[in-house]
Amino acid sequence: MEYDYENSLPDEQPYEVIAFARKHGLTVPAADAVLFAKGPSRKACDAAALAFLCAVAQYADRRSRH
């Protein structure tokens, strides 16, 4: 059984930018922007990353229709 270090940290412990980018499939600059905007809360950052990815997908979908 592997120990998941990232999920064992408290919500107030900020993410490392590279680890956050890998977790959510973001570029490092995008991950850095999300982390800067949402502060140290892991829950808030995870939610913001999901919202960002959904917005990017919607934008790409709209662009492909035109």
C-alpha atoms as a PDB file:
ATOM      1  CA  MET A   1       0.000   0.000   0.000  1.00  0.00           C
ATOM      2  CA  GLU A   2       1.374   3.389  -1.021  1.00  0.00           C
ATOM      3  CA  TYR A   3       1.144   6.396   1.253  1.00  0.00           C
ATOM      4  CA  ASP A   4      -0.322   9.449  -0.481  1.00  0.00           C
ATOM      5  CA  TYR A   5       1.638  12.322   1.027  1.00  0.00           C
ATOM      6  CA  GLU A   6      -0.285  15.034  -0.854  1.00  0.00           C
ATOM      7  CA  ASN A   7      -3.677  13.954   0.518  1.00  0.00           C
ATOM      8  CA  SER A   8      -2.408  13.674   4.090  1.00  0.00           C
ATOM      9  CA  LEU A   9      -1.473  17.337   4.439  1.00  0.00           C
ATOM     10  CA  PRO A  10      -3.847  19.726   6.216  1.00  0.00           C
ATOM     11  CA  ASP A  11      -6.009  22.041   4.105  1.00  0.00           C
ATOM     12  CA  GLU A  12      -4.034  25.075   5.293  1.00  0.00           C
ATOM     13  CA  GLN A  13      -0.722  23.651   4.020  1.00  0.00           C
ATOM     14  CA  PRO A  14      -0.195  25.345   0.636  1.00  0.00           C
ATOM     15  CA  TYR A  15       0.465  23.312  -2.497  1.00  0.00           C
ATOM     16  CA  GLU A  16       3.804  23.275  -4.243  1.00  0.00           C
ATOM     17  CA  VAL A  17       3.208  24.756  -7.710  1.00  0.00           C
ATOM     18  CA  ILE A  18       4.646  21.812  -9.681  1.00  0.00           C
ATOM     19  CA  ALA A  19       2.751  19.214  -7.647  1.00  0.00           C
ATOM     20  CA  PHE A  20      -0.476  21.161  -8.090  1.00  0.00           C
ATOM     21  CA  ALA A  21       0.099  21.520 -11.837  1.00  0.00           C
ATOM     22  CA  ARG A  22       0.704  17.782 -12.204  1.00  0.00           C
ATOM     23  CA  LYS A  23      -2.299  16.856 -10.065  1.00  0.00           C
ATOM     24  CA  HIS A  24      -4.687  18.882 -12.226  1.00  0.00           C
ATOM     25  CA  GLY A  25      -2.957  18.689 -15.610  1.00  0.00           C
ATOM     26  CA  LEU A  26      -2.240  22.408 -15.698  1.00  0.00           C
ATOM     27  CA  THR A  27       0.710  24.315 -17.026  1.00  0.00           C
ATOM     28  CA  VAL A  28       2.976  25.739 -14.332  1.00  0.00           C
ATOM     29  CA  PRO A  29       1.931  29.365 -15.086  1.00  0.00           C
ATOM     30  CA  ALA A  30      -1.781  28.425 -14.914  1.00  0.00           C
ATOM     31  CA  ALA A  31      -1.238  26.505 -11.670  1.00  0.00           C
ATOM     32  CA  ASP A  32       0.695  29.429 -10.224  1.00  0.00           C
ATOM     33  CA  ALA A  33      -2.146  31.821 -11.115  1.00  0.00           C
ATOM     34  CA  VAL A  34      -4.760  29.587  -9.460  1.00  0.00           C
ATOM     35  CA  LEU A  35      -2.660  29.187  -6.322  1.00  0.00           C
ATOM     36  CA  PHE A  36      -2.008  32.923  -6.143  1.00  0.00           C
ATOM     37  CA  ALA A  37      -5.703  33.739  -6.582  1.00  0.00           C
ATOM     38  CA  LYS A  38      -7.041  31.210  -4.073  1.00  0.00           C
ATOM     39  CA  GLY A  39      -4.435  31.350  -1.335  1.00  0.00           C
ATOM     40  CA  PRO A  40      -3.323  28.448   0.826  1.00  0.00           C
ATOM     41  CA  SER A  41      -6.618  26.512   1.033  1.00  0.00           C
ATOM     42  CA  ARG A  42      -6.209  23.194  -0.784  1.00  0.00           C
ATOM     43  CA  LYS A  43      -9.970  22.786  -1.108  1.00  0.00           C
ATOM     44  CA  ALA A  44     -10.368  26.228  -2.668  1.00  0.00           C
ATOM     45  CA  CYS A  45      -7.445  25.640  -5.033  1.00  0.00           C
ATOM     46  CA  ASP A  46      -8.747  22.223  -6.097  1.00  0.00           C
ATOM     47  CA  ALA A  47     -12.187  23.707  -6.799  1.00  0.00           C
ATOM     48  CA  ALA A  48     -10.661  26.618  -8.714  1.00  0.00           C
ATOM     49  CA  ALA A  49      -8.559  24.262 -10.843  1.00  0.00           C
ATOM     50  CA  LEU A  50     -11.679  22.283 -11.765  1.00  0.00           C
ATOM     51  CA  ALA A  51     -13.552  25.488 -12.619  1.00  0.00           C
ATOM     52  CA  PHE A  52     -10.609  26.683 -14.719  1.00  0.00           C
ATOM     53  CA  LEU A  53     -10.436  23.405 -16.651  1.00  0.00           C
ATOM     54  CA  CYS A  54     -14.202  23.494 -17.270  1.00  0.00           C
ATOM     55  CA  ALA A  55     -13.981  27.083 -18.539  1.00  0.00           C
ATOM     56  CA  VAL A  56     -11.118  26.188 -20.882  1.00  0.00           C
ATOM     57  CA  ALA A  57     -13.087  23.206 -22.219  1.00  0.00           C
ATOM     58  CA  GLN A  58     -16.161  25.376 -22.834  1.00  0.00           C
ATOM     59  CA  TYR A  59     -14.062  27.989 -24.602  1.00  0.00           C
ATOM     60  CA  ALA A  60     -12.466  25.346 -26.825  1.00  0.00           C
ATOM     61  CA  ASP A  61     -15.879  23.873 -27.611  1.00  0.00           C
ATOM     62  CA  ARG A  62     -17.270  27.274 -28.625  1.00  0.00           C
ATOM     63  CA  ARG A  63     -14.237  28.015 -30.782  1.00  0.00           C
ATOM     64  CA  SER A  64     -14.538  24.689 -32.593  1.00  0.00           C
ATOM     65  CA  ARG A  65     -18.176  25.447 -33.562  1.00  0.00           C
ATOM     66  CA  HIS A  66     -17.260  28.692 -35.349  1.00  0.00           C
END
